[in-house]
Each structure stands twice: as C-alpha cells, then as structure tokens.
Amino acid sequence: MTRSAKAEGSRPRVALVPTMGALHRGHLALVERAAELADVVVVSIFVNPLQFTDPADLERYPRDLDADLAALAGVTPGADIVFAPGVDDLYPRGDVATRVTAGRVGTLFEGRSRPGHFDGVLTVVAKLLNAVGPDVVLFGEKDAQQVFLVRRMIADLDMPVELHELETVRDDDELALSSRNRFLDARERRAAVTLPHVLEAAESASDRGIDAVLAAAQAAAMGENLVDLDYLAVVHPDTFLPVDDDYRGRARVIIAATVGDTRLIDNRAIYLN
C-alpha cells in the first residue's frame, strides 16, 4: 500500500483529504499533493449535516459517489482509501451533544451568514481526524476562513497532525472551482466572474492602502444585477479579523456573494503598502 520503501515495521505516513464529494479538479489537485506528502492517501467523502444551516441547501447539495470514485480513479498516484461513511456511521446517536466551537472568528463573515456552520465543520473534521489518524490533512485555500479555523483547532487542541493548504484552482476565466458552480446557468456563470474581478481590483489598489482597496473592490462589484454581495472585507492572516485603517503588511481580501440562487466565496492574499 505504501508508495516509498519503508523499513520493516515502520508506520507509513498517512494523508487525509476531507471532502463532501462532488469532486472537481481542485479536489484532485489536493489528492495529487497528498500523494507527494505521504505514503497512504485517504479521501473522505461525507456531506456533513452539522454544517448546513438550511435544510433545503443540505438536500440540494450534489451527491454522486460513483462519479467521485471514477474521478479519483483517474489520479495516479491517488487515493489508496476512500472513506465514505453514512450519517449514521459518524453520528450514530443522532444529535451531537458535544461539539467543537469555533469562537469569535466562527461568528464572522461566513459564520454570520450561516450561524453554527463552523462549529459543524470543526466537529466533523475532529471526528475524521480521530477516525483516520493522519499525519497530514489537506485543504484548499478557497475556503480561507475554514482553513484558519481548522488550523487554530489543531493548535489549540494539540492535535498531532500537520495542515497543508493548496492554492485555489481556477477555471480559465479565473472563477474559483467549486462544487456549487454546477448550479449556475449560462448567464449566472458569466456573472460569477465578478468575484475574481473584485479580488483583482483589490490587489491592484493594494499599494494605496485599505481605503483604496475597498473602494476599488466595491466599484468592481457594482453593475452586475445577478450578483448579490454578502460581504467584502480585508482581514489579517494571523487573526482573520478586519485590519485597521492604517495597517500595512500581509492581508487577505475575502468575498461572498449569491449569484442567482448559488452562494459563492473567494479570496486573495495581498500586501498593503
């Protein structure tokens, strides 16, 4: 099962790629990177009900295990183990009385729009880490707030696992790949590129400070009627809190919007001069 020659009796290095299925090239890039970092790659596929605040959204979320397995089969080297538990497997007693709480950052941005979302994310990630026992876990950079909170959970709870994040994989028009993109019709798909355009505008103004960044980003977001902006913020990468007006240094622009009926998120690292 291992990819590299190991001394007899030694434990192989294990990587976990947690997913909710509906796999796309971004997920497969994580699997490829996992194969570079470990001897055994485990891909989990589980649509986690704890992180959905809207039952209709949970019901709508795409599920096609056969297609996901076929996609994984096309990655070499790729997944050695696919862990696809049912809800009853991870939550055998139904309601989960004990949960991991995400703290203040978990109530901001995505957490403000989806109360309890990140508590559900952290709880299922903790359960998956306990079930698999990996040496390394991999996430995509597109879910920046999620990555920040998982990294903090690992540090705060002394979990013996490394977290690696991979740069966002994008389509040719720079739209970040997402399992939800399949819900966009042709007109909405064209409108959705507003999100990366906003991030590009923000980055282009980063040498003029935070006010210029927000002004440029907001201007780029205007004029597309199909895009309903939820939030646009510039946060510090070490705290995921909004930066001060006079801040200079590394930062991340984050955005969320609804395009038609589909919620999309994106982000970009910038340097404020």
C-alpha atoms as a PDB file:
ATOM      1  CA  MET A   1       0.000   0.000   0.000  1.00  0.00           C
ATOM      2  CA  THR A   2       2.895   2.360   0.656  1.00  0.00           C
ATOM      3  CA  ARG A   3       4.483   4.423  -2.079  1.00  0.00           C
ATOM      4  CA  SER A   4       8.030   4.541  -0.779  1.00  0.00           C
ATOM      5  CA  ALA A   5      10.352   1.869   0.528  1.00  0.00           C
ATOM      6  CA  LYS A   6       9.842   1.729   4.299  1.00  0.00           C
ATOM      7  CA  ALA A   7      11.869  -0.022   6.944  1.00  0.00           C
ATOM      8  CA  GLU A   8      10.148  -3.187   8.077  1.00  0.00           C
ATOM      9  CA  GLY A   9       7.760  -2.444  10.900  1.00  0.00           C
ATOM     10  CA  SER A  10       7.736   1.321  10.381  1.00  0.00           C
ATOM     11  CA  ARG A  11       4.443   3.163  10.153  1.00  0.00           C
ATOM     12  CA  PRO A  12       3.532   4.644   6.754  1.00  0.00           C
ATOM     13  CA  ARG A  13       2.860   8.369   6.599  1.00  0.00           C
ATOM     14  CA  VAL A  14      -0.870   8.983   6.081  1.00  0.00           C
ATOM     15  CA  ALA A  15      -2.554  11.982   4.450  1.00  0.00           C
ATOM     16  CA  LEU A  16      -6.250  12.821   4.682  1.00  0.00           C
ATOM     17  CA  VAL A  17      -8.158  14.877   2.117  1.00  0.00           C
ATOM     18  CA  PRO A  18     -11.594  15.652   3.611  1.00  0.00           C
ATOM     19  CA  THR A  19     -14.293  16.363   1.007  1.00  0.00           C
ATOM     20  CA  MET A  20     -18.062  16.477   0.691  1.00  0.00           C
ATOM     21  CA  GLY A  21     -17.906  14.809  -2.713  1.00  0.00           C
ATOM     22  CA  ALA A  22     -18.990  16.435  -5.997  1.00  0.00           C
ATOM     23  CA  LEU A  23     -15.292  16.317  -6.770  1.00  0.00           C
ATOM     24  CA  HIS A  24     -13.656  18.699  -9.242  1.00  0.00           C
ATOM     25  CA  ARG A  25     -10.091  19.487 -10.326  1.00  0.00           C
ATOM     26  CA  GLY A  26      -9.437  21.386  -7.112  1.00  0.00           C
ATOM     27  CA  HIS A  27     -10.115  18.281  -5.041  1.00  0.00           C
ATOM     28  CA  LEU A  28      -7.995  16.158  -7.350  1.00  0.00           C
ATOM     29  CA  ALA A  29      -5.110  18.615  -7.012  1.00  0.00           C
ATOM     30  CA  LEU A  30      -5.309  18.083  -3.252  1.00  0.00           C
ATOM     31  CA  VAL A  31      -5.142  14.326  -3.777  1.00  0.00           C
ATOM     32  CA  GLU A  32      -2.096  14.694  -6.025  1.00  0.00           C
ATOM     33  CA  ARG A  33      -0.363  16.860  -3.426  1.00  0.00           C
ATOM     34  CA  ALA A  34      -1.284  14.388  -0.688  1.00  0.00           C
ATOM     35  CA  ALA A  35       0.435  11.633  -2.651  1.00  0.00           C
ATOM     36  CA  GLU A  36       3.615  13.729  -2.640  1.00  0.00           C
ATOM     37  CA  LEU A  37       3.454  14.237   1.109  1.00  0.00           C
ATOM     38  CA  ALA A  38       2.502  10.755   2.320  1.00  0.00           C
ATOM     39  CA  ASP A  39       2.678   7.046   1.656  1.00  0.00           C
ATOM     40  CA  VAL A  40      -1.049   6.413   2.070  1.00  0.00           C
ATOM     41  CA  VAL A  41      -3.738   8.837   0.898  1.00  0.00           C
ATOM     42  CA  VAL A  42      -7.213   8.690   2.402  1.00  0.00           C
ATOM     43  CA  VAL A  43     -10.002  10.702   0.771  1.00  0.00           C
ATOM     44  CA  SER A  44     -13.129  11.122   2.849  1.00  0.00           C
ATOM     45  CA  ILE A  45     -16.473  11.801   1.174  1.00  0.00           C
ATOM     46  CA  PHE A  46     -19.169  12.915   3.582  1.00  0.00           C
ATOM     47  CA  VAL A  47     -21.889  15.553   3.257  1.00  0.00           C
ATOM     48  CA  ASN A  48     -21.908  16.798   6.826  1.00  0.00           C
ATOM     49  CA  PRO A  49     -25.374  17.815   8.042  1.00  0.00           C
ATOM     50  CA  LEU A  50     -23.959  19.700  11.038  1.00  0.00           C
ATOM     51  CA  GLN A  51     -22.532  22.458   8.852  1.00  0.00           C
ATOM     52  CA  PHE A  52     -25.727  23.204   6.918  1.00  0.00           C
ATOM     53  CA  THR A  53     -27.979  25.874   8.383  1.00  0.00           C
ATOM     54  CA  ASP A  54     -30.647  25.493   5.686  1.00  0.00           C
ATOM     55  CA  PRO A  55     -32.225  22.023   5.283  1.00  0.00           C
ATOM     56  CA  ALA A  56     -33.030  22.821   1.646  1.00  0.00           C
ATOM     57  CA  ASP A  57     -29.346  23.559   0.984  1.00  0.00           C
ATOM     58  CA  LEU A  58     -28.383  20.223   2.530  1.00  0.00           C
ATOM     59  CA  GLU A  59     -30.933  18.410   0.383  1.00  0.00           C
ATOM     60  CA  ARG A  60     -29.756  20.230  -2.736  1.00  0.00           C
ATOM     61  CA  TYR A  61     -26.064  19.561  -2.249  1.00  0.00           C
ATOM     62  CA  PRO A  62     -24.856  17.295  -5.112  1.00  0.00           C
ATOM     63  CA  ARG A  63     -24.140  13.660  -4.314  1.00  0.00           C
ATOM     64  CA  ASP A  64     -22.765  11.147  -6.831  1.00  0.00           C
ATOM     65  CA  LEU A  65     -20.422   8.647  -5.223  1.00  0.00           C
ATOM     66  CA  ASP A  66     -19.903   6.664  -8.439  1.00  0.00           C
ATOM     67  CA  ALA A  67     -18.769   9.799 -10.282  1.00  0.00           C
ATOM     68  CA  ASP A  68     -16.475  10.731  -7.399  1.00  0.00           C
ATOM     69  CA  LEU A  69     -14.886   7.277  -7.400  1.00  0.00           C
ATOM     70  CA  ALA A  70     -14.374   7.481 -11.153  1.00  0.00           C
ATOM     71  CA  ALA A  71     -12.717  10.885 -10.795  1.00  0.00           C
ATOM     72  CA  LEU A  72     -10.388   9.579  -8.095  1.00  0.00           C
ATOM     73  CA  ALA A  73      -9.516   6.548 -10.217  1.00  0.00           C
ATOM     74  CA  GLY A  74      -8.115   8.929 -12.824  1.00  0.00           C
ATOM     75  CA  VAL A  75      -5.488  10.335 -10.430  1.00  0.00           C
ATOM     76  CA  THR A  76      -2.193   8.413 -10.345  1.00  0.00           C
ATOM     77  CA  PRO A  77      -0.788   8.194  -7.772  1.00  0.00           C
ATOM     78  CA  GLY A  78      -4.008   8.986  -5.996  1.00  0.00           C
ATOM     79  CA  ALA A  79      -6.296   7.775  -3.265  1.00  0.00           C
ATOM     80  CA  ASP A  80      -5.413   4.493  -1.608  1.00  0.00           C
ATOM     81  CA  ILE A  81      -8.519   4.516   0.570  1.00  0.00           C
ATOM     82  CA  VAL A  82     -11.887   6.207   0.050  1.00  0.00           C
ATOM     83  CA  PHE A  83     -13.697   6.679   3.344  1.00  0.00           C
ATOM     84  CA  ALA A  84     -17.376   7.355   2.594  1.00  0.00           C
ATOM     85  CA  PRO A  85     -19.309   6.936   5.836  1.00  0.00           C
ATOM     86  CA  GLY A  86     -23.031   7.455   6.182  1.00  0.00           C
ATOM     87  CA  VAL A  87     -24.577   9.902   8.612  1.00  0.00           C
ATOM     88  CA  ASP A  88     -25.371   7.041  11.000  1.00  0.00           C
ATOM     89  CA  ASP A  89     -21.730   5.971  10.929  1.00  0.00           C
ATOM     90  CA  LEU A  90     -20.355   9.327  12.088  1.00  0.00           C
ATOM     91  CA  TYR A  91     -23.337  10.324  14.217  1.00  0.00           C
ATOM     92  CA  PRO A  92     -24.732   7.002  15.489  1.00  0.00           C
ATOM     93  CA  ARG A  93     -26.669   8.650  18.313  1.00  0.00           C
ATOM     94  CA  GLY A  94     -28.296  11.218  16.062  1.00  0.00           C
ATOM     95  CA  ASP A  95     -27.989  14.633  17.680  1.00  0.00           C
ATOM     96  CA  VAL A  96     -24.399  15.507  18.614  1.00  0.00           C
ATOM     97  CA  ALA A  97     -24.372  16.887  22.138  1.00  0.00           C
ATOM     98  CA  THR A  98     -20.622  17.544  22.226  1.00  0.00           C
ATOM     99  CA  ARG A  99     -19.277  19.868  19.539  1.00  0.00           C
ATOM    100  CA  VAL A 100     -16.167  21.889  18.800  1.00  0.00           C
ATOM    101  CA  THR A 101     -16.931  25.614  18.921  1.00  0.00           C
ATOM    102  CA  ALA A 102     -15.219  27.975  16.517  1.00  0.00           C
ATOM    103  CA  GLY A 103     -15.090  31.005  18.816  1.00  0.00           C
ATOM    104  CA  ARG A 104     -15.398  34.625  17.751  1.00  0.00           C
ATOM    105  CA  VAL A 105     -13.977  34.195  14.242  1.00  0.00           C
ATOM    106  CA  GLY A 106     -16.531  31.460  13.651  1.00  0.00           C
ATOM    107  CA  THR A 107     -19.316  34.025  14.065  1.00  0.00           C
ATOM    108  CA  LEU A 108     -17.929  36.437  11.451  1.00  0.00           C
ATOM    109  CA  PHE A 109     -18.272  36.508   7.660  1.00  0.00           C
ATOM    110  CA  GLU A 110     -19.426  33.007   6.662  1.00  0.00           C
ATOM    111  CA  GLY A 111     -20.357  32.353  10.281  1.00  0.00           C
ATOM    112  CA  ARG A 112     -22.543  35.440  10.419  1.00  0.00           C
ATOM    113  CA  SER A 113     -24.455  34.388   7.322  1.00  0.00           C
ATOM    114  CA  ARG A 114     -24.556  30.732   8.355  1.00  0.00           C
ATOM    115  CA  PRO A 115     -24.762  30.594  12.182  1.00  0.00           C
ATOM    116  CA  GLY A 116     -23.262  27.409  13.590  1.00  0.00           C
ATOM    117  CA  HIS A 117     -21.672  26.467  10.265  1.00  0.00           C
ATOM    118  CA  PHE A 118     -18.105  26.409  11.521  1.00  0.00           C
ATOM    119  CA  ASP A 119     -18.978  24.557  14.708  1.00  0.00           C
ATOM    120  CA  GLY A 120     -20.295  21.830  12.410  1.00  0.00           C
ATOM    121  CA  VAL A 121     -17.181  21.961  10.238  1.00  0.00           C
ATOM    122  CA  LEU A 122     -14.764  21.710  13.152  1.00  0.00           C
ATOM    123  CA  THR A 123     -16.760  18.928  14.786  1.00  0.00           C
ATOM    124  CA  VAL A 124     -16.727  16.728  11.696  1.00  0.00           C
ATOM    125  CA  VAL A 125     -13.069  17.468  10.946  1.00  0.00           C
ATOM    126  CA  ALA A 126     -12.174  16.471  14.518  1.00  0.00           C
ATOM    127  CA  LYS A 127     -14.130  13.238  14.115  1.00  0.00           C
ATOM    128  CA  LEU A 128     -12.458  12.472  10.775  1.00  0.00           C
ATOM    129  CA  LEU A 129      -9.013  13.137  12.227  1.00  0.00           C
ATOM    130  CA  ASN A 130      -9.797  10.804  15.118  1.00  0.00           C
ATOM    131  CA  ALA A 131     -11.145   8.112  12.785  1.00  0.00           C
ATOM    132  CA  VAL A 132      -8.292   8.193  10.267  1.00  0.00           C
ATOM    133  CA  GLY A 133      -5.346   9.298  12.422  1.00  0.00           C
ATOM    134  CA  PRO A 134      -3.455  11.039   9.606  1.00  0.00           C
ATOM    135  CA  ASP A 135      -0.049  12.688   9.811  1.00  0.00           C
ATOM    136  CA  VAL A 136      -1.167  15.443   7.449  1.00  0.00           C
ATOM    137  CA  VAL A 137      -4.534  16.873   6.410  1.00  0.00           C
ATOM    138  CA  LEU A 138      -5.056  18.962   3.278  1.00  0.00           C
ATOM    139  CA  PHE A 139      -7.495  21.769   2.468  1.00  0.00           C
ATOM    140  CA  GLY A 140      -7.956  24.207  -0.388  1.00  0.00           C
ATOM    141  CA  GLU A 141      -7.153  27.893   0.028  1.00  0.00           C
ATOM    142  CA  LYS A 142     -10.550  28.934  -1.375  1.00  0.00           C
ATOM    143  CA  ASP A 143     -12.153  28.170   1.986  1.00  0.00           C
ATOM    144  CA  ALA A 144      -9.810  30.560   3.788  1.00  0.00           C
ATOM    145  CA  GLN A 145     -11.883  31.046   6.932  1.00  0.00           C
ATOM    146  CA  GLN A 146     -12.372  27.296   7.270  1.00  0.00           C
ATOM    147  CA  VAL A 147      -8.629  26.690   6.881  1.00  0.00           C
ATOM    148  CA  PHE A 148      -7.858  29.336   9.505  1.00  0.00           C
ATOM    149  CA  LEU A 149     -10.278  27.784  12.000  1.00  0.00           C
ATOM    150  CA  VAL A 150      -9.138  24.197  11.402  1.00  0.00           C
ATOM    151  CA  ARG A 151      -5.508  25.272  11.798  1.00  0.00           C
ATOM    152  CA  ARG A 152      -6.375  27.023  15.063  1.00  0.00           C
ATOM    153  CA  MET A 153      -8.322  23.986  16.322  1.00  0.00           C
ATOM    154  CA  ILE A 154      -5.322  21.751  15.626  1.00  0.00           C
ATOM    155  CA  ALA A 155      -3.059  24.129  17.556  1.00  0.00           C
ATOM    156  CA  ASP A 156      -5.456  24.810  20.435  1.00  0.00           C
ATOM    157  CA  LEU A 157      -6.290  21.141  20.988  1.00  0.00           C
ATOM    158  CA  ASP A 158      -2.735  19.851  20.404  1.00  0.00           C
ATOM    159  CA  MET A 159      -3.839  17.545  17.617  1.00  0.00           C
ATOM    160  CA  PRO A 160      -0.867  15.580  16.225  1.00  0.00           C
ATOM    161  CA  VAL A 161      -1.407  16.451  12.573  1.00  0.00           C
ATOM    162  CA  GLU A 162       0.076  18.893  10.058  1.00  0.00           C
ATOM    163  CA  LEU A 163      -2.214  21.042   7.941  1.00  0.00           C
ATOM    164  CA  HIS A 164      -1.274  21.823   4.350  1.00  0.00           C
ATOM    165  CA  GLU A 165      -3.289  24.171   2.178  1.00  0.00           C
ATOM    166  CA  LEU A 166      -3.220  24.279  -1.592  1.00  0.00           C
ATOM    167  CA  GLU A 167      -3.644  27.312  -3.812  1.00  0.00           C
ATOM    168  CA  THR A 168      -7.123  27.776  -5.257  1.00  0.00           C
ATOM    169  CA  VAL A 169      -7.638  26.031  -8.587  1.00  0.00           C
ATOM    170  CA  ARG A 170      -9.437  28.231 -11.101  1.00  0.00           C
ATOM    171  CA  ASP A 171     -11.115  27.969 -14.476  1.00  0.00           C
ATOM    172  CA  ASP A 172      -9.692  29.803 -17.480  1.00  0.00           C
ATOM    173  CA  ASP A 173     -11.764  32.883 -16.618  1.00  0.00           C
ATOM    174  CA  GLU A 174     -10.354  32.848 -13.046  1.00  0.00           C
ATOM    175  CA  LEU A 175     -13.572  31.702 -11.349  1.00  0.00           C
ATOM    176  CA  ALA A 176     -12.603  29.514  -8.396  1.00  0.00           C
ATOM    177  CA  LEU A 177     -13.636  25.901  -8.831  1.00  0.00           C
ATOM    178  CA  SER A 178     -16.492  24.930  -6.542  1.00  0.00           C
ATOM    179  CA  SER A 179     -18.916  22.044  -6.320  1.00  0.00           C
ATOM    180  CA  ARG A 180     -21.669  24.666  -6.366  1.00  0.00           C
ATOM    181  CA  ASN A 181     -20.647  26.046  -9.758  1.00  0.00           C
ATOM    182  CA  ARG A 182     -22.716  23.300 -11.381  1.00  0.00           C
ATOM    183  CA  PHE A 183     -25.856  25.086 -10.173  1.00  0.00           C
ATOM    184  CA  LEU A 184     -25.088  28.195 -12.275  1.00  0.00           C
ATOM    185  CA  ASP A 185     -26.872  28.588 -15.594  1.00  0.00           C
ATOM    186  CA  ALA A 186     -25.002  30.147 -18.534  1.00  0.00           C
ATOM    187  CA  ARG A 187     -25.920  33.723 -17.649  1.00  0.00           C
ATOM    188  CA  GLU A 188     -25.124  33.257 -13.975  1.00  0.00           C
ATOM    189  CA  ARG A 189     -21.826  31.603 -14.853  1.00  0.00           C
ATOM    190  CA  ARG A 190     -20.791  34.687 -16.813  1.00  0.00           C
ATOM    191  CA  ALA A 191     -21.855  36.934 -13.950  1.00  0.00           C
ATOM    192  CA  ALA A 192     -19.936  34.862 -11.385  1.00  0.00           C
ATOM    193  CA  VAL A 193     -16.577  36.067 -12.703  1.00  0.00           C
ATOM    194  CA  THR A 194     -17.387  39.307 -10.899  1.00  0.00           C
ATOM    195  CA  LEU A 195     -15.886  37.694  -7.784  1.00  0.00           C
ATOM    196  CA  PRO A 196     -12.349  37.192  -9.150  1.00  0.00           C
ATOM    197  CA  HIS A 197     -12.601  40.602 -10.854  1.00  0.00           C
ATOM    198  CA  VAL A 198     -13.303  42.177  -7.462  1.00  0.00           C
ATOM    199  CA  LEU A 199     -10.235  40.463  -5.999  1.00  0.00           C
ATOM    200  CA  GLU A 200      -8.069  41.589  -8.916  1.00  0.00           C
ATOM    201  CA  ALA A 201      -9.249  45.167  -8.442  1.00  0.00           C
ATOM    202  CA  ALA A 202      -8.473  44.980  -4.731  1.00  0.00           C
ATOM    203  CA  GLU A 203      -4.977  43.677  -5.358  1.00  0.00           C
ATOM    204  CA  SER A 204      -4.285  46.357  -7.962  1.00  0.00           C
ATOM    205  CA  ALA A 205      -5.010  49.045  -5.347  1.00  0.00           C
ATOM    206  CA  SER A 206      -3.103  47.411  -2.503  1.00  0.00           C
ATOM    207  CA  ASP A 207      -0.176  49.840  -2.753  1.00  0.00           C
ATOM    208  CA  ARG A 208      -2.526  52.713  -1.823  1.00  0.00           C
ATOM    209  CA  GLY A 209      -3.844  51.341   1.473  1.00  0.00           C
ATOM    210  CA  ILE A 210      -7.015  49.793   2.825  1.00  0.00           C
ATOM    211  CA  ASP A 211      -9.418  52.559   1.782  1.00  0.00           C
ATOM    212  CA  ALA A 212      -8.278  52.339  -1.824  1.00  0.00           C
ATOM    213  CA  VAL A 213      -8.502  48.546  -1.766  1.00  0.00           C
ATOM    214  CA  LEU A 214     -12.100  48.561  -0.553  1.00  0.00           C
ATOM    215  CA  ALA A 215     -13.109  51.353  -2.918  1.00  0.00           C
ATOM    216  CA  ALA A 216     -11.635  49.557  -5.935  1.00  0.00           C
ATOM    217  CA  ALA A 217     -13.211  46.253  -4.921  1.00  0.00           C
ATOM    218  CA  GLN A 218     -16.645  47.772  -4.345  1.00  0.00           C
ATOM    219  CA  ALA A 219     -16.509  49.555  -7.677  1.00  0.00           C
ATOM    220  CA  ALA A 220     -15.712  46.275  -9.430  1.00  0.00           C
ATOM    221  CA  ALA A 221     -18.670  44.614  -7.696  1.00  0.00           C
ATOM    222  CA  MET A 222     -21.176  47.171  -8.939  1.00  0.00           C
ATOM    223  CA  GLY A 223     -23.217  46.852 -12.092  1.00  0.00           C
ATOM    224  CA  GLU A 224     -23.875  43.108 -12.170  1.00  0.00           C
ATOM    225  CA  ASN A 225     -27.510  42.629 -11.186  1.00  0.00           C
ATOM    226  CA  LEU A 226     -27.208  38.861 -10.765  1.00  0.00           C
ATOM    227  CA  VAL A 227     -24.549  39.222  -8.079  1.00  0.00           C
ATOM    228  CA  ASP A 228     -25.821  39.969  -4.576  1.00  0.00           C
ATOM    229  CA  LEU A 229     -22.808  40.820  -2.409  1.00  0.00           C
ATOM    230  CA  ASP A 230     -22.904  39.388   1.123  1.00  0.00           C
ATOM    231  CA  TYR A 231     -19.585  40.594   2.494  1.00  0.00           C
ATOM    232  CA  LEU A 232     -16.310  42.089   1.322  1.00  0.00           C
ATOM    233  CA  ALA A 233     -13.520  42.504   3.862  1.00  0.00           C
ATOM    234  CA  VAL A 234      -9.771  42.674   4.305  1.00  0.00           C
ATOM    235  CA  VAL A 235      -8.531  40.518   7.177  1.00  0.00           C
ATOM    236  CA  HIS A 236      -5.231  39.864   8.904  1.00  0.00           C
ATOM    237  CA  PRO A 237      -3.954  36.354   8.059  1.00  0.00           C
ATOM    238  CA  ASP A 238      -2.919  35.680  11.670  1.00  0.00           C
ATOM    239  CA  THR A 239      -6.256  36.619  13.279  1.00  0.00           C
ATOM    240  CA  PHE A 240      -8.820  36.591  10.448  1.00  0.00           C
ATOM    241  CA  LEU A 241     -10.133  39.865  11.872  1.00  0.00           C
ATOM    242  CA  PRO A 242     -10.548  43.050   9.800  1.00  0.00           C
ATOM    243  CA  VAL A 243      -7.338  45.061   9.573  1.00  0.00           C
ATOM    244  CA  ASP A 244      -7.083  48.596  10.949  1.00  0.00           C
ATOM    245  CA  ASP A 245      -7.280  51.582   8.613  1.00  0.00           C
ATOM    246  CA  ASP A 246      -3.543  52.293   8.967  1.00  0.00           C
ATOM    247  CA  TYR A 247      -2.431  48.652   8.701  1.00  0.00           C
ATOM    248  CA  ARG A 248       0.492  47.775   6.454  1.00  0.00           C
ATOM    249  CA  GLY A 249       1.584  44.246   5.640  1.00  0.00           C
ATOM    250  CA  ARG A 250       0.154  40.877   4.630  1.00  0.00           C
ATOM    251  CA  ALA A 251      -3.612  40.680   4.354  1.00  0.00           C
ATOM    252  CA  ARG A 252      -6.353  38.680   2.674  1.00  0.00           C
ATOM    253  CA  VAL A 253      -9.343  40.019   0.767  1.00  0.00           C
ATOM    254  CA  ILE A 254     -12.409  37.821   1.257  1.00  0.00           C
ATOM    255  CA  ILE A 255     -15.707  37.967  -0.585  1.00  0.00           C
ATOM    256  CA  ALA A 256     -19.014  36.118  -0.614  1.00  0.00           C
ATOM    257  CA  ALA A 257     -21.953  36.683  -2.936  1.00  0.00           C
ATOM    258  CA  THR A 258     -25.065  34.983  -4.160  1.00  0.00           C
ATOM    259  CA  VAL A 259     -25.260  34.569  -7.924  1.00  0.00           C
ATOM    260  CA  GLY A 260     -28.813  33.668  -8.828  1.00  0.00           C
ATOM    261  CA  ASP A 261     -29.587  31.122  -6.112  1.00  0.00           C
ATOM    262  CA  THR A 262     -25.992  29.955  -5.644  1.00  0.00           C
ATOM    263  CA  ARG A 263     -23.701  31.175  -2.893  1.00  0.00           C
ATOM    264  CA  LEU A 264     -20.028  31.551  -3.863  1.00  0.00           C
ATOM    265  CA  ILE A 265     -16.935  32.571  -1.917  1.00  0.00           C
ATOM    266  CA  ASP A 266     -13.413  33.540  -2.901  1.00  0.00           C
ATOM    267  CA  ASN A 267     -10.328  35.283  -1.512  1.00  0.00           C
ATOM    268  CA  ARG A 268      -6.906  36.532  -2.414  1.00  0.00           C
ATOM    269  CA  ALA A 269      -3.724  37.311  -0.492  1.00  0.00           C
ATOM    270  CA  ILE A 270      -2.479  40.878  -0.880  1.00  0.00           C
ATOM    271  CA  TYR A 271       0.189  43.114   0.641  1.00  0.00           C
ATOM    272  CA  LEU A 272      -0.924  46.515   1.868  1.00  0.00           C
ATOM    273  CA  ASN A 273       1.740  49.177   1.389  1.00  0.00           C
END
